[in-house]
Amino acid sequence: MGADDPQPRSFTLVPVSNGILRPEQRARRHGVVLQPTERRQLERAGWRTTLDYRENHVRGLDGRLLRVEPVWVAEAERYDGEVAVASAEGSTAEAAWANLSEEIAAARVMTWQRVKFAAR
């Protein structure tokens, strides 16, 4: 039979499962947590977070590449009547998140009280 031909009436699809529970009854399984705890804590506190990566190329006077320095930049923003933004860098993603958490805990954030929202 081709794709355009209807299937016989006796043909039915049934869900297939490897376990004894049907797919809709299968217990949830949680995998390994991938995000750093600092990031999860910030997001639970209402901060929106981002992580960027860049490389600084360090060159000698003759122009030869001496080394490549990885730089991770973690940023967070939150709106509670005013916009608050914080940013921190680190040589690893985990270091960047730890530095950002320290910046926020020490209240080293930039704030704007007057924010204009675009009309919809």
N, C-alpha and C. Protein backbone atom coordinates (compact mmCIF):
# COMPACT_ATOMS: atom_id res chain seq x y z
N MET A 1 0.83 -1.18 0.00
CA MET A 1 0.00 0.00 0.00
C MET A 1 0.88 1.24 0.00
N GLY A 2 0.46 2.24 -0.73
CA GLY A 2 1.21 3.49 -0.78
C GLY A 2 0.77 4.44 0.32
N ALA A 3 1.40 5.58 0.35
CA ALA A 3 1.09 6.58 1.38
C ALA A 3 -0.30 7.18 1.18
N ASP A 4 -0.80 7.16 -0.06
CA ASP A 4 -2.12 7.73 -0.32
C ASP A 4 -3.25 6.74 -0.06
N ASP A 5 -2.91 5.46 0.09
CA ASP A 5 -3.93 4.45 0.32
C ASP A 5 -4.34 4.43 1.78
N PRO A 6 -5.63 4.37 2.09
CA PRO A 6 -6.04 4.29 3.49
C PRO A 6 -5.62 2.95 4.09
N GLN A 7 -5.35 2.95 5.36
CA GLN A 7 -4.96 1.73 6.06
C GLN A 7 -6.21 0.86 6.28
N PRO A 8 -6.02 -0.44 6.34
CA PRO A 8 -7.17 -1.31 6.62
C PRO A 8 -7.78 -0.98 7.97
N ARG A 9 -9.06 -1.30 8.16
CA ARG A 9 -9.77 -0.98 9.39
C ARG A 9 -9.16 -1.67 10.61
N SER A 10 -8.54 -2.79 10.44
CA SER A 10 -7.99 -3.52 11.60
C SER A 10 -6.68 -2.92 12.10
N PHE A 11 -6.15 -1.92 11.37
CA PHE A 11 -4.87 -1.33 11.73
C PHE A 11 -5.08 -0.22 12.74
N THR A 12 -4.47 -0.32 13.91
CA THR A 12 -4.54 0.74 14.92
C THR A 12 -3.16 0.94 15.53
N LEU A 13 -2.88 2.17 15.94
CA LEU A 13 -1.63 2.48 16.62
C LEU A 13 -1.87 2.46 18.12
N VAL A 14 -0.97 1.85 18.85
CA VAL A 14 -1.06 1.83 20.30
C VAL A 14 0.24 2.38 20.85
N PRO A 15 0.20 3.07 22.00
CA PRO A 15 1.44 3.57 22.59
C PRO A 15 2.34 2.41 23.01
N VAL A 16 3.63 2.57 22.77
CA VAL A 16 4.60 1.55 23.13
C VAL A 16 5.45 2.08 24.27
N SER A 17 5.66 1.27 25.27
CA SER A 17 6.44 1.69 26.42
C SER A 17 7.37 0.55 26.83
N ASN A 18 8.54 0.92 27.32
CA ASN A 18 9.48 -0.09 27.81
C ASN A 18 9.20 -0.47 29.26
N GLY A 19 8.49 0.39 29.99
CA GLY A 19 8.22 0.13 31.39
C GLY A 19 6.85 -0.50 31.59
N ILE A 20 6.53 -0.79 32.86
CA ILE A 20 5.24 -1.38 33.14
C ILE A 20 4.14 -0.32 33.21
N LEU A 21 4.52 0.94 33.38
CA LEU A 21 3.55 2.03 33.38
C LEU A 21 3.32 2.51 31.96
N ARG A 22 2.13 2.96 31.67
CA ARG A 22 1.88 3.57 30.37
C ARG A 22 2.62 4.90 30.32
N PRO A 23 2.96 5.41 29.12
CA PRO A 23 3.74 6.64 29.02
C PRO A 23 3.16 7.81 29.80
N GLU A 24 1.82 7.94 29.82
CA GLU A 24 1.23 9.06 30.54
C GLU A 24 1.27 8.87 32.06
N GLN A 25 1.59 7.66 32.53
CA GLN A 25 1.67 7.39 33.96
C GLN A 25 3.11 7.24 34.45
N ARG A 26 4.07 7.33 33.54
CA ARG A 26 5.47 7.12 33.91
C ARG A 26 5.93 8.17 34.91
N ALA A 27 6.64 7.75 35.92
CA ALA A 27 7.15 8.67 36.94
C ALA A 27 8.21 9.58 36.32
N ARG A 28 8.26 10.82 36.77
CA ARG A 28 9.27 11.76 36.27
C ARG A 28 10.63 11.38 36.79
N ARG A 29 11.61 11.53 35.92
CA ARG A 29 12.99 11.29 36.32
C ARG A 29 13.76 12.58 36.17
N HIS A 30 14.47 12.95 37.19
CA HIS A 30 15.26 14.18 37.15
C HIS A 30 16.71 13.80 36.91
N GLY A 31 17.31 14.47 35.94
CA GLY A 31 18.70 14.21 35.61
C GLY A 31 19.63 15.07 36.44
N VAL A 32 20.86 15.08 36.02
CA VAL A 32 21.87 15.88 36.68
C VAL A 32 21.57 17.35 36.47
N VAL A 33 21.71 18.16 37.50
CA VAL A 33 21.50 19.60 37.40
C VAL A 33 22.73 20.19 36.74
N LEU A 34 22.53 20.88 35.62
CA LEU A 34 23.66 21.39 34.85
C LEU A 34 24.04 22.82 35.21
N GLN A 35 23.09 23.61 35.66
CA GLN A 35 23.38 25.01 35.92
C GLN A 35 24.04 25.16 37.28
N PRO A 36 24.92 26.13 37.42
CA PRO A 36 25.53 26.39 38.72
C PRO A 36 24.48 26.84 39.74
N THR A 37 24.71 26.52 40.99
CA THR A 37 23.74 26.87 42.04
C THR A 37 23.56 28.38 42.15
N GLU A 38 24.63 29.16 41.92
CA GLU A 38 24.50 30.62 42.00
C GLU A 38 23.48 31.14 40.99
N ARG A 39 23.50 30.59 39.79
CA ARG A 39 22.57 31.03 38.75
C ARG A 39 21.14 30.66 39.13
N ARG A 40 20.92 29.46 39.60
CA ARG A 40 19.57 29.05 40.00
C ARG A 40 19.06 29.91 41.14
N GLN A 41 19.92 30.25 42.11
CA GLN A 41 19.50 31.10 43.23
C GLN A 41 19.10 32.48 42.75
N LEU A 42 19.88 33.04 41.81
CA LEU A 42 19.54 34.37 41.28
C LEU A 42 18.20 34.34 40.54
N GLU A 43 17.99 33.30 39.74
CA GLU A 43 16.73 33.22 39.00
C GLU A 43 15.54 33.00 39.93
N ARG A 44 15.73 32.27 40.99
CA ARG A 44 14.64 32.10 41.97
C ARG A 44 14.35 33.39 42.70
N ALA A 45 15.35 34.27 42.81
CA ALA A 45 15.16 35.56 43.47
C ALA A 45 14.58 36.61 42.51
N GLY A 46 14.28 36.21 41.27
CA GLY A 46 13.65 37.13 40.33
C GLY A 46 14.58 37.76 39.32
N TRP A 47 15.84 37.39 39.29
CA TRP A 47 16.79 37.93 38.33
C TRP A 47 16.71 37.15 37.02
N ARG A 48 16.77 37.84 35.89
CA ARG A 48 16.92 37.21 34.58
C ARG A 48 18.41 37.17 34.29
N THR A 49 18.92 36.02 33.91
CA THR A 49 20.37 35.87 33.78
C THR A 49 20.78 35.50 32.36
N THR A 50 21.99 35.90 31.99
CA THR A 50 22.60 35.50 30.73
C THR A 50 24.08 35.22 30.98
N LEU A 51 24.66 34.41 30.10
CA LEU A 51 26.07 34.07 30.19
C LEU A 51 26.67 34.19 28.79
N ASP A 52 27.73 34.97 28.66
CA ASP A 52 28.42 35.15 27.39
C ASP A 52 29.87 34.69 27.53
N TYR A 53 30.45 34.34 26.38
CA TYR A 53 31.84 33.89 26.36
C TYR A 53 32.60 34.67 25.29
N ARG A 54 33.82 35.02 25.62
CA ARG A 54 34.70 35.63 24.63
C ARG A 54 36.13 35.21 24.94
N GLU A 55 37.01 35.43 23.99
CA GLU A 55 38.41 35.10 24.18
C GLU A 55 39.25 36.36 23.96
N ASN A 56 40.16 36.64 24.87
CA ASN A 56 41.11 37.72 24.70
C ASN A 56 42.39 37.11 24.14
N HIS A 57 42.81 37.58 22.97
CA HIS A 57 44.04 37.09 22.36
C HIS A 57 45.19 37.99 22.80
N VAL A 58 46.14 37.44 23.51
CA VAL A 58 47.29 38.18 23.99
C VAL A 58 48.43 37.94 23.01
N ARG A 59 48.95 39.02 22.44
CA ARG A 59 50.00 38.92 21.43
C ARG A 59 51.27 39.61 21.90
N GLY A 60 52.38 39.12 21.42
CA GLY A 60 53.67 39.75 21.70
C GLY A 60 53.87 40.97 20.83
N LEU A 61 54.97 41.68 21.04
CA LEU A 61 55.25 42.89 20.26
C LEU A 61 55.46 42.57 18.78
N ASP A 62 55.88 41.35 18.48
CA ASP A 62 56.08 40.96 17.08
C ASP A 62 54.80 40.46 16.43
N GLY A 63 53.70 40.44 17.15
CA GLY A 63 52.41 40.04 16.60
C GLY A 63 52.07 38.57 16.78
N ARG A 64 53.00 37.79 17.36
CA ARG A 64 52.71 36.37 17.57
C ARG A 64 51.71 36.19 18.70
N LEU A 65 50.84 35.21 18.53
CA LEU A 65 49.86 34.90 19.55
C LEU A 65 50.56 34.19 20.71
N LEU A 66 50.52 34.79 21.89
CA LEU A 66 51.17 34.20 23.06
C LEU A 66 50.23 33.26 23.81
N ARG A 67 49.00 33.72 24.00
CA ARG A 67 48.01 32.89 24.72
C ARG A 67 46.61 33.42 24.43
N VAL A 68 45.66 32.57 24.73
CA VAL A 68 44.25 32.92 24.59
C VAL A 68 43.64 32.84 25.99
N GLU A 69 43.08 33.94 26.45
CA GLU A 69 42.48 33.99 27.78
C GLU A 69 40.96 33.90 27.66
N PRO A 70 40.36 32.83 28.18
CA PRO A 70 38.89 32.75 28.14
C PRO A 70 38.28 33.71 29.16
N VAL A 71 37.21 34.37 28.75
CA VAL A 71 36.51 35.29 29.65
C VAL A 71 35.02 34.97 29.57
N TRP A 72 34.44 34.66 30.71
CA TRP A 72 33.00 34.41 30.81
C TRP A 72 32.38 35.62 31.48
N VAL A 73 31.29 36.12 30.90
CA VAL A 73 30.60 37.29 31.44
C VAL A 73 29.18 36.87 31.83
N ALA A 74 28.90 36.96 33.12
CA ALA A 74 27.56 36.65 33.65
C ALA A 74 26.85 37.97 33.92
N GLU A 75 25.61 38.07 33.48
CA GLU A 75 24.82 39.28 33.69
C GLU A 75 23.46 38.92 34.25
N ALA A 76 22.91 39.84 35.02
CA ALA A 76 21.58 39.64 35.59
C ALA A 76 20.84 40.96 35.58
N GLU A 77 19.52 40.88 35.37
CA GLU A 77 18.69 42.08 35.43
C GLU A 77 17.38 41.73 36.12
N ARG A 78 16.81 42.73 36.77
CA ARG A 78 15.54 42.54 37.48
C ARG A 78 14.78 43.85 37.48
N TYR A 79 13.46 43.73 37.44
CA TYR A 79 12.60 44.91 37.48
C TYR A 79 11.67 44.80 38.67
N ASP A 80 11.84 45.69 39.63
CA ASP A 80 10.96 45.81 40.80
C ASP A 80 10.57 47.27 40.97
N GLY A 81 9.95 47.85 39.96
CA GLY A 81 9.65 49.27 39.99
C GLY A 81 10.79 50.09 39.43
N GLU A 82 11.97 49.55 39.43
CA GLU A 82 13.14 50.13 38.78
C GLU A 82 13.98 48.99 38.21
N VAL A 83 14.72 49.28 37.17
CA VAL A 83 15.54 48.27 36.53
C VAL A 83 16.88 48.19 37.26
N ALA A 84 17.28 46.99 37.63
CA ALA A 84 18.58 46.76 38.25
C ALA A 84 19.36 45.81 37.36
N VAL A 85 20.63 46.14 37.11
CA VAL A 85 21.49 45.34 36.25
C VAL A 85 22.83 45.14 36.94
N ALA A 86 23.33 43.90 36.88
CA ALA A 86 24.65 43.59 37.44
C ALA A 86 25.41 42.73 36.45
N SER A 87 26.73 42.84 36.47
CA SER A 87 27.57 42.10 35.56
C SER A 87 28.88 41.74 36.24
N ALA A 88 29.43 40.56 35.89
CA ALA A 88 30.71 40.14 36.45
C ALA A 88 31.40 39.20 35.47
N GLU A 89 32.72 39.13 35.56
CA GLU A 89 33.51 38.28 34.68
C GLU A 89 34.25 37.24 35.49
N GLY A 90 34.67 36.18 34.80
CA GLY A 90 35.47 35.14 35.42
C GLY A 90 36.17 34.32 34.35
N SER A 91 37.19 33.57 34.75
CA SER A 91 37.92 32.75 33.78
C SER A 91 37.17 31.46 33.46
N THR A 92 36.19 31.10 34.29
CA THR A 92 35.31 29.97 34.03
C THR A 92 33.87 30.44 34.22
N ALA A 93 32.94 29.66 33.72
CA ALA A 93 31.53 30.02 33.89
C ALA A 93 31.16 30.03 35.37
N GLU A 94 31.66 29.05 36.11
CA GLU A 94 31.35 28.99 37.55
C GLU A 94 31.90 30.19 38.29
N ALA A 95 33.11 30.63 37.92
CA ALA A 95 33.71 31.81 38.56
C ALA A 95 32.90 33.06 38.23
N ALA A 96 32.43 33.17 37.00
CA ALA A 96 31.61 34.33 36.62
C ALA A 96 30.33 34.38 37.43
N TRP A 97 29.65 33.22 37.61
CA TRP A 97 28.42 33.20 38.41
C TRP A 97 28.71 33.53 39.87
N ALA A 98 29.79 33.01 40.41
CA ALA A 98 30.15 33.31 41.80
C ALA A 98 30.44 34.80 41.96
N ASN A 99 31.18 35.39 41.02
CA ASN A 99 31.48 36.83 41.08
C ASN A 99 30.21 37.67 40.96
N LEU A 100 29.28 37.24 40.10
CA LEU A 100 28.02 37.96 39.95
C LEU A 100 27.21 37.91 41.23
N SER A 101 27.15 36.76 41.86
CA SER A 101 26.43 36.64 43.13
C SER A 101 27.03 37.57 44.18
N GLU A 102 28.35 37.67 44.21
CA GLU A 102 29.01 38.59 45.16
C GLU A 102 28.66 40.04 44.86
N GLU A 103 28.64 40.40 43.57
CA GLU A 103 28.29 41.77 43.18
C GLU A 103 26.88 42.12 43.64
N ILE A 104 25.95 41.21 43.44
CA ILE A 104 24.56 41.48 43.82
C ILE A 104 24.42 41.51 45.33
N ALA A 105 25.10 40.59 46.03
CA ALA A 105 25.03 40.57 47.50
C ALA A 105 25.60 41.86 48.09
N ALA A 106 26.60 42.44 47.44
CA ALA A 106 27.21 43.68 47.92
C ALA A 106 26.47 44.91 47.38
N ALA A 107 25.36 44.70 46.70
CA ALA A 107 24.53 45.77 46.14
C ALA A 107 25.29 46.64 45.15
N ARG A 108 26.22 46.04 44.43
CA ARG A 108 26.94 46.77 43.38
C ARG A 108 26.22 46.52 42.05
N VAL A 109 25.07 47.18 41.92
CA VAL A 109 24.24 47.06 40.73
C VAL A 109 23.91 48.45 40.21
N MET A 110 23.65 48.55 38.92
CA MET A 110 23.21 49.81 38.33
C MET A 110 21.70 49.80 38.30
N THR A 111 21.08 50.93 38.63
CA THR A 111 19.61 51.00 38.63
C THR A 111 19.14 52.21 37.83
N TRP A 112 17.97 52.05 37.22
CA TRP A 112 17.30 53.12 36.51
C TRP A 112 15.88 53.18 37.04
N GLN A 113 15.46 54.37 37.48
CA GLN A 113 14.11 54.50 38.02
C GLN A 113 13.12 54.89 36.93
N ARG A 114 13.58 55.62 35.92
CA ARG A 114 12.68 56.04 34.85
C ARG A 114 12.89 55.10 33.67
N VAL A 115 11.91 54.29 33.41
CA VAL A 115 11.96 53.35 32.31
C VAL A 115 10.75 53.57 31.44
N LYS A 116 10.97 53.69 30.14
CA LYS A 116 9.86 53.86 29.20
C LYS A 116 9.56 52.51 28.56
N PHE A 117 8.30 52.15 28.57
CA PHE A 117 7.87 50.92 27.95
C PHE A 117 7.26 51.25 26.60
N ALA A 118 7.57 50.49 25.61
CA ALA A 118 7.03 50.71 24.27
C ALA A 118 5.53 50.38 24.25
N ALA A 119 4.78 51.20 23.56
CA ALA A 119 3.34 50.95 23.43
C ALA A 119 3.12 49.77 22.51
N ARG A 120 2.11 49.00 22.81
CA ARG A 120 1.80 47.83 21.97
C ARG A 120 0.78 48.14 20.94
